[in-house]
């Protein structure tokens, strides 16, 4: 197995990056799902409207 110094990049170097990106994406998707549930719960609890400030 050669390293980056030998200018040969193999798949093993990209596996940690792919794992990191997958975990980041999974975290963001799960957070967004829970965020939508929480917004609906708060809206029904307080009977108010949530204004999107984009």
N, C-alpha and C. Protein backbone atom coordinates (compact mmCIF):
# COMPACT_ATOMS: atom_id res chain seq x y z
N UNK A 1 0.85 -1.18 0.00
CA UNK A 1 0.00 0.00 0.00
C UNK A 1 0.89 1.24 0.00
N UNK A 2 0.70 2.07 -0.97
CA UNK A 2 1.49 3.29 -1.08
C UNK A 2 0.69 4.45 -0.50
N UNK A 3 1.37 5.46 -0.10
CA UNK A 3 0.73 6.60 0.52
C UNK A 3 0.58 7.77 -0.42
N UNK A 4 0.18 8.88 0.11
CA UNK A 4 -0.01 10.09 -0.68
C UNK A 4 1.33 10.63 -1.17
N UNK A 5 2.37 10.43 -0.38
CA UNK A 5 3.70 10.91 -0.79
C UNK A 5 4.14 10.27 -2.09
N UNK A 6 3.71 9.04 -2.31
CA UNK A 6 4.07 8.34 -3.54
C UNK A 6 3.12 8.68 -4.68
N UNK A 7 2.22 9.60 -4.44
CA UNK A 7 1.27 10.09 -5.45
C UNK A 7 0.36 8.99 -5.99
N UNK A 8 0.07 8.04 -5.13
CA UNK A 8 -0.90 7.02 -5.50
C UNK A 8 -1.98 7.02 -4.42
N UNK A 9 -3.17 7.45 -4.79
CA UNK A 9 -4.28 7.54 -3.84
C UNK A 9 -5.20 6.37 -4.09
N UNK A 10 -5.47 5.63 -3.04
CA UNK A 10 -6.34 4.46 -3.16
C UNK A 10 -7.66 4.72 -2.46
N UNK A 11 -8.55 3.77 -2.56
CA UNK A 11 -9.88 3.90 -1.98
C UNK A 11 -9.83 4.02 -0.46
N UNK A 12 -8.84 3.42 0.16
CA UNK A 12 -8.75 3.44 1.62
C UNK A 12 -8.64 4.84 2.19
N UNK A 13 -8.12 5.77 1.41
CA UNK A 13 -7.99 7.13 1.89
C UNK A 13 -9.34 7.86 1.89
N UNK A 14 -10.28 7.43 1.07
CA UNK A 14 -11.57 8.10 0.98
C UNK A 14 -12.63 7.52 1.90
N UNK A 15 -12.41 6.35 2.45
CA UNK A 15 -13.40 5.71 3.32
C UNK A 15 -13.73 6.57 4.55
N UNK A 16 -12.75 7.11 5.28
CA UNK A 16 -13.11 7.97 6.43
C UNK A 16 -13.88 9.21 6.02
N UNK A 17 -13.54 9.80 4.89
CA UNK A 17 -14.26 10.98 4.41
C UNK A 17 -15.71 10.64 4.08
N UNK A 18 -15.92 9.52 3.41
CA UNK A 18 -17.27 9.09 3.07
C UNK A 18 -18.07 8.79 4.34
N UNK A 19 -17.43 8.17 5.31
CA UNK A 19 -18.12 7.88 6.57
C UNK A 19 -18.51 9.17 7.28
N UNK A 20 -17.60 10.14 7.28
CA UNK A 20 -17.89 11.43 7.92
C UNK A 20 -19.04 12.14 7.23
N UNK A 21 -19.03 12.16 5.90
CA UNK A 21 -20.12 12.80 5.15
C UNK A 21 -21.45 12.08 5.36
N UNK A 22 -21.42 10.76 5.44
CA UNK A 22 -22.64 9.99 5.68
C UNK A 22 -23.21 10.31 7.06
N UNK A 23 -22.36 10.36 8.08
CA UNK A 23 -22.83 10.66 9.44
C UNK A 23 -23.37 12.09 9.53
N UNK A 24 -22.73 13.03 8.85
CA UNK A 24 -23.21 14.40 8.83
C UNK A 24 -24.59 14.48 8.16
N UNK A 25 -24.72 13.83 7.03
CA UNK A 25 -26.00 13.83 6.32
C UNK A 25 -27.09 13.16 7.13
N UNK A 26 -26.78 12.04 7.76
CA UNK A 26 -27.75 11.34 8.59
C UNK A 26 -28.19 12.20 9.77
N UNK A 27 -27.25 12.88 10.38
CA UNK A 27 -27.57 13.77 11.51
C UNK A 27 -28.48 14.91 11.06
N UNK A 28 -28.17 15.52 9.92
CA UNK A 28 -28.97 16.65 9.45
C UNK A 28 -30.39 16.21 9.06
N UNK A 29 -30.51 15.06 8.41
CA UNK A 29 -31.83 14.58 8.00
C UNK A 29 -32.67 14.24 9.23
N UNK A 30 -32.08 13.55 10.19
CA UNK A 30 -32.83 13.18 11.40
C UNK A 30 -33.21 14.42 12.21
N UNK A 31 -32.31 15.39 12.29
CA UNK A 31 -32.63 16.63 13.01
C UNK A 31 -33.77 17.36 12.33
N UNK A 32 -33.77 17.40 11.01
CA UNK A 32 -34.83 18.10 10.27
C UNK A 32 -36.19 17.43 10.49
N UNK A 33 -36.21 16.10 10.51
CA UNK A 33 -37.45 15.38 10.74
C UNK A 33 -38.00 15.70 12.14
N UNK A 34 -37.14 15.65 13.13
CA UNK A 34 -37.58 15.95 14.50
C UNK A 34 -37.97 17.42 14.65
N UNK A 35 -37.30 18.29 13.93
CA UNK A 35 -37.63 19.71 13.98
C UNK A 35 -39.05 19.96 13.45
N UNK A 36 -39.40 19.29 12.36
CA UNK A 36 -40.75 19.44 11.82
C UNK A 36 -41.80 18.93 12.80
N UNK A 37 -41.52 17.81 13.46
CA UNK A 37 -42.45 17.29 14.46
C UNK A 37 -42.62 18.26 15.61
N UNK A 38 -41.52 18.85 16.05
CA UNK A 38 -41.58 19.79 17.17
C UNK A 38 -42.35 21.05 16.79
N UNK A 39 -42.16 21.54 15.57
CA UNK A 39 -42.90 22.72 15.13
C UNK A 39 -44.40 22.46 15.14
N UNK A 40 -44.80 21.30 14.65
CA UNK A 40 -46.22 20.96 14.63
C UNK A 40 -46.77 20.84 16.05
N UNK A 41 -45.99 20.23 16.93
CA UNK A 41 -46.43 20.09 18.33
C UNK A 41 -46.58 21.45 18.98
N UNK A 42 -45.61 22.33 18.79
CA UNK A 42 -45.68 23.67 19.39
C UNK A 42 -46.83 24.48 18.79
N UNK A 43 -47.02 24.34 17.49
CA UNK A 43 -48.11 25.07 16.84
C UNK A 43 -49.46 24.64 17.43
N UNK A 44 -49.64 23.35 17.61
CA UNK A 44 -50.91 22.87 18.16
C UNK A 44 -51.02 23.19 19.65
N UNK A 45 -49.90 23.22 20.36
CA UNK A 45 -49.94 23.53 21.79
C UNK A 45 -50.31 24.97 22.05
N UNK A 46 -49.75 25.87 21.29
CA UNK A 46 -50.01 27.29 21.53
C UNK A 46 -51.03 27.87 20.57
N UNK A 47 -51.50 27.08 19.62
CA UNK A 47 -52.47 27.52 18.61
C UNK A 47 -52.02 28.83 17.97
N UNK A 48 -50.80 28.82 17.49
CA UNK A 48 -50.22 30.00 16.86
C UNK A 48 -49.62 29.61 15.52
N UNK A 49 -49.20 30.63 14.81
CA UNK A 49 -48.54 30.41 13.52
C UNK A 49 -47.05 30.61 13.68
N UNK A 50 -46.29 29.80 12.98
CA UNK A 50 -44.84 29.96 12.96
C UNK A 50 -44.50 30.68 11.66
N UNK A 51 -43.83 31.82 11.78
CA UNK A 51 -43.47 32.63 10.63
C UNK A 51 -42.09 32.22 10.16
N UNK A 52 -41.98 31.92 8.89
CA UNK A 52 -40.69 31.55 8.30
C UNK A 52 -39.97 32.83 7.92
N UNK A 53 -38.80 33.07 8.51
CA UNK A 53 -38.07 34.32 8.30
C UNK A 53 -36.98 34.20 7.25
N UNK A 54 -37.24 33.50 6.18
CA UNK A 54 -36.22 33.37 5.13
C UNK A 54 -36.31 34.49 4.15
